[in-house]
PDB file of N, CA and C in Angstrom:
ATOM      1  N   ARG A   1     133.814 107.012  90.247  1.00  0.00           N
ATOM      2  CA  ARG A   1     133.173 107.168  91.532  1.00  0.00           C
ATOM      3  C   ARG A   1     131.702 107.523  91.320  1.00  0.00           C
ATOM      4  N   PRO A   2     130.785 106.896  92.067  1.00  0.00           N
ATOM      5  CA  PRO A   2     129.353 107.189  91.894  1.00  0.00           C
ATOM      6  C   PRO A   2     129.009 108.634  92.233  1.00  0.00           C
ATOM      7  N   VAL A   3     128.040 109.147  91.536  1.00  0.00           N
ATOM      8  CA  VAL A   3     127.555 110.499  91.780  1.00  0.00           C
ATOM      9  C   VAL A   3     126.328 110.407  92.667  1.00  0.00           C
ATOM     10  N   LYS A   4     126.274 111.254  93.699  1.00  0.00           N
ATOM     11  CA  LYS A   4     125.117 111.246  94.593  1.00  0.00           C
ATOM     12  C   LYS A   4     123.921 111.846  93.859  1.00  0.00           C
ATOM     13  N   ILE A   5     122.815 111.113  93.884  1.00  0.00           N
ATOM     14  CA  ILE A   5     121.585 111.566  93.240  1.00  0.00           C
ATOM     15  C   ILE A   5     120.559 111.830  94.322  1.00  0.00           C
ATOM     16  N   GLU A   6     119.903 112.960  94.247  1.00  0.00           N
ATOM     17  CA  GLU A   6     118.875 113.293  95.234  1.00  0.00           C
ATOM     18  C   GLU A   6     117.690 112.349  95.089  1.00  0.00           C
ATOM     19  N   PRO A   7     117.084 111.949  96.215  1.00  0.00           N
ATOM     20  CA  PRO A   7     115.941 111.027  96.145  1.00  0.00           C
ATOM     21  C   PRO A   7     114.751 111.651  95.431  1.00  0.00           C
ATOM     22  N   THR A   8     114.000 110.815  94.774  1.00  0.00           N
ATOM     23  CA  THR A   8     112.793 111.243  94.086  1.00  0.00           C
ATOM     24  C   THR A   8     111.648 111.323  95.084  1.00  0.00           C
ATOM     25  N   ALA A   9     110.844 112.358  95.005  1.00  0.00           N
ATOM     26  CA  ALA A   9     109.681 112.485  95.889  1.00  0.00           C
ATOM     27  C   ALA A   9     108.648 111.436  95.515  1.00  0.00           C
ATOM     28  N   PHE A  10     108.038 110.853  96.529  1.00  0.00           N
ATOM     29  CA  PHE A  10     107.003 109.852  96.295  1.00  0.00           C
ATOM     30  C   PHE A  10     105.652 110.531  96.199  1.00  0.00           C
ATOM     31  N   SER A  11     104.853 110.070  95.285  1.00  0.00           N
ATOM     32  CA  SER A  11     103.508 110.596  95.119  1.00  0.00           C
ATOM     33  C   SER A  11     102.521 109.566  95.642  1.00  0.00           C
ATOM     34  N   SER A  12     101.549 110.005  96.413  1.00  0.00           N
ATOM     35  CA  SER A  12     100.597 109.076  97.019  1.00  0.00           C
ATOM     36  C   SER A  12      99.616 108.488  96.007  1.00  0.00           C
ATOM     37  N   ASP A  13      99.570 109.045  94.794  1.00  0.00           N
ATOM     38  CA  ASP A  13      98.619 108.532  93.814  1.00  0.00           C
ATOM     39  C   ASP A  13      99.216 107.443  92.915  1.00  0.00           C
ATOM     40  N   LYS A  14     100.447 107.017  93.192  1.00  0.00           N
ATOM     41  CA  LYS A  14     101.091 105.989  92.380  1.00  0.00           C
ATOM     42  C   LYS A  14     101.054 104.643  93.091  1.00  0.00           C
ATOM     43  N   THR A  15     101.146 103.587  92.329  1.00  0.00           N
ATOM     44  CA  THR A  15     101.181 102.242  92.884  1.00  0.00           C
ATOM     45  C   THR A  15     102.496 102.044  93.626  1.00  0.00           C
ATOM     46  N   HIS A  16     102.420 101.436  94.791  1.00  0.00           N
ATOM     47  CA  HIS A  16     103.622 101.191  95.585  1.00  0.00           C
ATOM     48  C   HIS A  16     104.500 100.145  94.905  1.00  0.00           C
ATOM     49  N   LEU A  17     105.807 100.340  95.004  1.00  0.00           N
ATOM     50  CA  LEU A  17     106.739  99.357  94.480  1.00  0.00           C
ATOM     51  C   LEU A  17     106.957  98.235  95.482  1.00  0.00           C
ATOM     52  N   LEU A  18     106.550  98.466  96.704  1.00  0.00           N
ATOM     53  CA  LEU A  18     106.675  97.476  97.763  1.00  0.00           C
ATOM     54  C   LEU A  18     105.278  97.023  98.165  1.00  0.00           C
ATOM     55  N   LEU A  19     105.027  95.746  98.080  1.00  0.00           N
ATOM     56  CA  LEU A  19     103.727  95.201  98.461  1.00  0.00           C
ATOM     57  C   LEU A  19     103.959  94.106  99.496  1.00  0.00           C
ATOM     58  N   LEU A  20     103.500  94.328 100.720  1.00  0.00           N
ATOM     59  CA  LEU A  20     103.669  93.329 101.771  1.00  0.00           C
ATOM     60  C   LEU A  20     102.486  92.377 101.778  1.00  0.00           C
ATOM     61  N   LYS A  21     102.784  91.119 102.046  1.00  0.00           N
ATOM     62  CA  LYS A  21     101.739  90.095 102.077  1.00  0.00           C
ATOM     63  C   LYS A  21     101.694  89.443 103.448  1.00  0.00           C
ATOM     64  N   ARG A  22     100.538  88.885 103.762  1.00  0.00           N
ATOM     65  CA  ARG A  22     100.306  88.197 105.027  1.00  0.00           C
ATOM     66  C   ARG A  22      99.903  86.761 104.704  1.00  0.00           C
ATOM     67  N   ARG A  23     100.378  85.849 105.539  1.00  0.00           N
ATOM     68  CA  ARG A  23     100.044  84.429 105.346  1.00  0.00           C
ATOM     69  C   ARG A  23      98.565  84.217 105.637  1.00  0.00           C
ATOM     70  N   PHE A  24      97.862  83.589 104.726  1.00  0.00           N
ATOM     71  CA  PHE A  24      96.438  83.295 104.885  1.00  0.00           C
ATOM     72  C   PHE A  24      96.223  81.848 104.464  1.00  0.00           C
ATOM     73  N   GLY A  25      96.125  80.965 105.454  1.00  0.00           N
ATOM     74  CA  GLY A  25      96.036  79.540 105.147  1.00  0.00           C
ATOM     75  C   GLY A  25      97.335  79.055 104.547  1.00  0.00           C
ATOM     76  N   SER A  26      97.266  78.501 103.356  1.00  0.00           N
ATOM     77  CA  SER A  26      98.476  78.001 102.693  1.00  0.00           C
ATOM     78  C   SER A  26      98.987  78.960 101.617  1.00  0.00           C
ATOM     79  N   SER A  27      98.427  80.164 101.553  1.00  0.00           N
ATOM     80  CA  SER A  27      98.867  81.116 100.534  1.00  0.00           C
ATOM     81  C   SER A  27      99.185  82.467 101.171  1.00  0.00           C
ATOM     82  N   TRP A  28      99.657  83.390 100.351  1.00  0.00           N
ATOM     83  CA  TRP A  28      99.996  84.738 100.788  1.00  0.00           C
ATOM     84  C   TRP A  28      99.026  85.719 100.144  1.00  0.00           C
ATOM     85  N   VAL A  29      98.514  86.669 100.943  1.00  0.00           N
ATOM     86  CA  VAL A  29      97.534  87.645 100.472  1.00  0.00           C
ATOM     87  C   VAL A  29      98.087  89.049 100.715  1.00  0.00           C
ATOM     88  N   TYR A  30      97.992  89.909  99.695  1.00  0.00           N
ATOM     89  CA  TYR A  30      98.447  91.292  99.822  1.00  0.00           C
ATOM     90  C   TYR A  30      97.735  91.978 100.982  1.00  0.00           C
ATOM     91  N   SER A  31      98.503  92.732 101.786  1.00  0.00           N
ATOM     92  CA  SER A  31      97.942  93.461 102.918  1.00  0.00           C
ATOM     93  C   SER A  31      98.209  94.954 102.745  1.00  0.00           C
ATOM     94  N   SER A  32      97.173  95.700 102.396  1.00  0.00           N
ATOM     95  CA  SER A  32      97.339  97.151 102.241  1.00  0.00           C
ATOM     96  C   SER A  32      97.653  97.792 103.588  1.00  0.00           C
ATOM     97  N   LYS A  33      97.123  97.235 104.678  1.00  0.00           N
ATOM     98  CA  LYS A  33      97.373  97.774 106.018  1.00  0.00           C
ATOM     99  C   LYS A  33      98.861  97.658 106.380  1.00  0.00           C
ATOM    100  N   LEU A  34      99.454  96.475 106.177  1.00  0.00           N
ATOM    101  CA  LEU A  34     100.879  96.292 106.469  1.00  0.00           C
ATOM    102  C   LEU A  34     101.749  97.151 105.559  1.00  0.00           C
ATOM    103  N   THR A  35     101.398  97.196 104.273  1.00  0.00           N
ATOM    104  CA  THR A  35     102.173  97.982 103.319  1.00  0.00           C
ATOM    105  C   THR A  35     102.143  99.461 103.685  1.00  0.00           C
ATOM    106  N   THR A  36     100.969  99.985 103.978  1.00  0.00           N
ATOM    107  CA  THR A  36     100.832 101.397 104.345  1.00  0.00           C
ATOM    108  C   THR A  36     101.591 101.704 105.625  1.00  0.00           C
ATOM    109  N   PHE A  37     101.481 100.830 106.620  1.00  0.00           N
ATOM    110  CA  PHE A  37     102.185 101.037 107.890  1.00  0.00           C
ATOM    111  C   PHE A  37     103.694 101.077 107.663  1.00  0.00           C
ATOM    112  N   TYR A  38     104.215 100.120 106.908  1.00  0.00           N
ATOM    113  CA  TYR A  38     105.650 100.051 106.647  1.00  0.00           C
ATOM    114  C   TYR A  38     106.137 101.290 105.894  1.00  0.00           C
ATOM    115  N   LEU A  39     105.397 101.708 104.869  1.00  0.00           N
ATOM    116  CA  LEU A  39     105.785 102.898 104.112  1.00  0.00           C
ATOM    117  C   LEU A  39     105.694 104.160 104.966  1.00  0.00           C
ATOM    118  N   ASP A  40     104.727 104.224 105.889  1.00  0.00           N
ATOM    119  CA  ASP A  40     104.634 105.360 106.810  1.00  0.00           C
ATOM    120  C   ASP A  40     105.858 105.429 107.716  1.00  0.00           C
ATOM    121  N   VAL A  41     106.317 104.273 108.196  1.00  0.00           N
ATOM    122  CA  VAL A  41     107.516 104.233 109.038  1.00  0.00           C
ATOM    123  C   VAL A  41     108.733 104.693 108.244  1.00  0.00           C
ATOM    124  N   LEU A  42     108.870 104.224 107.004  1.00  0.00           N
ATOM    125  CA  LEU A  42     109.990 104.658 106.170  1.00  0.00           C
ATOM    126  C   LEU A  42     109.947 106.163 105.909  1.00  0.00           C
ATOM    127  N   THR A  43     108.760 106.697 105.686  1.00  0.00           N
ATOM    128  CA  THR A  43     108.605 108.138 105.474  1.00  0.00           C
ATOM    129  C   THR A  43     108.999 108.912 106.724  1.00  0.00           C
ATOM    130  N   GLU A  44     108.600 108.412 107.894  1.00  0.00           N
ATOM    131  CA  GLU A  44     108.964 109.066 109.156  1.00  0.00           C
ATOM    132  C   GLU A  44     110.473 109.044 109.361  1.00  0.00           C
ATOM    133  N   ILE A  45     111.109 107.918 109.066  1.00  0.00           N
ATOM    134  CA  ILE A  45     112.566 107.819 109.193  1.00  0.00           C
ATOM    135  C   ILE A  45     113.236 108.837 108.283  1.00  0.00           C
ATOM    136  N   ARG A  46     112.747 108.939 107.051  1.00  0.00           N
ATOM    137  CA  ARG A  46     113.336 109.881 106.096  1.00  0.00           C
ATOM    138  C   ARG A  46     113.128 111.328 106.533  1.00  0.00           C
ATOM    139  N   SER A  47     111.933 111.654 107.015  1.00  0.00           N
ATOM    140  CA  SER A  47     111.625 113.047 107.350  1.00  0.00           C
ATOM    141  C   SER A  47     112.286 113.505 108.646  1.00  0.00           C
ATOM    142  N   THR A  48     112.645 112.576 109.530  1.00  0.00           N
ATOM    143  CA  THR A  48     113.303 112.958 110.788  1.00  0.00           C
ATOM    144  C   THR A  48     114.812 112.805 110.700  1.00  0.00           C
ATOM    145  N   SER A  49     115.304 112.504 109.507  1.00  0.00           N
ATOM    146  CA  SER A  49     116.743 112.345 109.256  1.00  0.00           C
ATOM    147  C   SER A  49     117.377 111.275 110.134  1.00  0.00           C
ATOM    148  N   THR A  50     116.627 110.221 110.422  1.00  0.00           N
ATOM    149  CA  THR A  50     117.186 109.097 111.162  1.00  0.00           C
ATOM    150  C   THR A  50     118.267 108.454 110.305  1.00  0.00           C
ATOM    151  N   THR A  51     119.381 108.117 110.919  1.00  0.00           N
ATOM    152  CA  THR A  51     120.481 107.518 110.177  1.00  0.00           C
ATOM    153  C   THR A  51     120.880 106.187 110.798  1.00  0.00           C
ATOM    154  N   PHE A  52     121.361 105.307 109.967  1.00  0.00           N
ATOM    155  CA  PHE A  52     121.861 104.021 110.435  1.00  0.00           C
ATOM    156  C   PHE A  52     123.376 103.952 110.261  1.00  0.00           C
ATOM    157  N   GLU A  53     124.001 105.121 110.131  1.00  0.00           N
ATOM    158  CA  GLU A  53     125.441 105.182 109.962  1.00  0.00           C
ATOM    159  C   GLU A  53     126.129 104.626 111.203  1.00  0.00           C
ATOM    160  N   HIS A  54     127.141 103.800 110.987  1.00  0.00           N
ATOM    161  CA  HIS A  54     127.928 103.163 112.058  1.00  0.00           C
ATOM    162  C   HIS A  54     127.083 102.227 112.920  1.00  0.00           C
ATOM    163  N   LYS A  55     126.019 101.670 112.355  1.00  0.00           N
ATOM    164  CA  LYS A  55     125.169 100.722 113.073  1.00  0.00           C
ATOM    165  C   LYS A  55     125.050  99.458 112.241  1.00  0.00           C
ATOM    166  N   ASN A  56     124.786  98.358 112.906  1.00  0.00           N
ATOM    167  CA  ASN A  56     124.570  97.083 112.218  1.00  0.00           C
ATOM    168  C   ASN A  56     123.079  96.832 112.108  1.00  0.00           C
ATOM    169  N   ALA A  57     122.677  96.240 110.993  1.00  0.00           N
ATOM    170  CA  ALA A  57     121.266  95.909 110.799  1.00  0.00           C
ATOM    171  C   ALA A  57     121.167  94.505 110.222  1.00  0.00           C
ATOM    172  N   LEU A  58     120.169  93.773 110.648  1.00  0.00           N
ATOM    173  CA  LEU A  58     119.927  92.427 110.147  1.00  0.00           C
ATOM    174  C   LEU A  58     118.680  92.456 109.274  1.00  0.00           C
ATOM    175  N   ALA A  59     118.833  92.066 108.023  1.00  0.00           N
ATOM    176  CA  ALA A  59     117.695  91.996 107.105  1.00  0.00           C
ATOM    177  C   ALA A  59     117.442  90.522 106.804  1.00  0.00           C
ATOM    178  N   THR A  60     116.292  90.028 107.224  1.00  0.00           N
ATOM    179  CA  THR A  60     115.985  88.613 107.011  1.00  0.00           C
ATOM    180  C   THR A  60     114.908  88.452 105.946  1.00  0.00           C
ATOM    181  N   GLY A  61     114.947  87.364 105.248  1.00  0.00           N
ATOM    182  CA  GLY A  61     113.932  87.064 104.244  1.00  0.00           C
ATOM    183  C   GLY A  61     113.977  87.954 103.026  1.00  0.00           C
ATOM    184  N   VAL A  62     115.147  88.499 102.706  1.00  0.00           N
ATOM    185  CA  VAL A  62     115.230  89.426 101.581  1.00  0.00           C
ATOM    186  C   VAL A  62     115.851  88.790 100.335  1.00  0.00           C
ATOM    187  N   GLY A  63     116.119  87.507 100.389  1.00  0.00           N
ATOM    188  CA  GLY A  63     116.823  86.881  99.261  1.00  0.00           C
ATOM    189  C   GLY A  63     116.022  85.972  98.451  1.00  0.00           C
TER     190      GLY A  63
END
């Protein structure tokens, strides 16, 4: 049976493991604004103890 491991604290001085890109013409360009916004939302969800237990979620474009 898996052992529960406490989450690691994120440090703001490290490179993000998630980099969001925006379509620019025929290519994709990294967007620090989108990445920062998304990570801020995830941090807010974590800090307010928001849970998705017993809920359905659709994740698109993740494969």
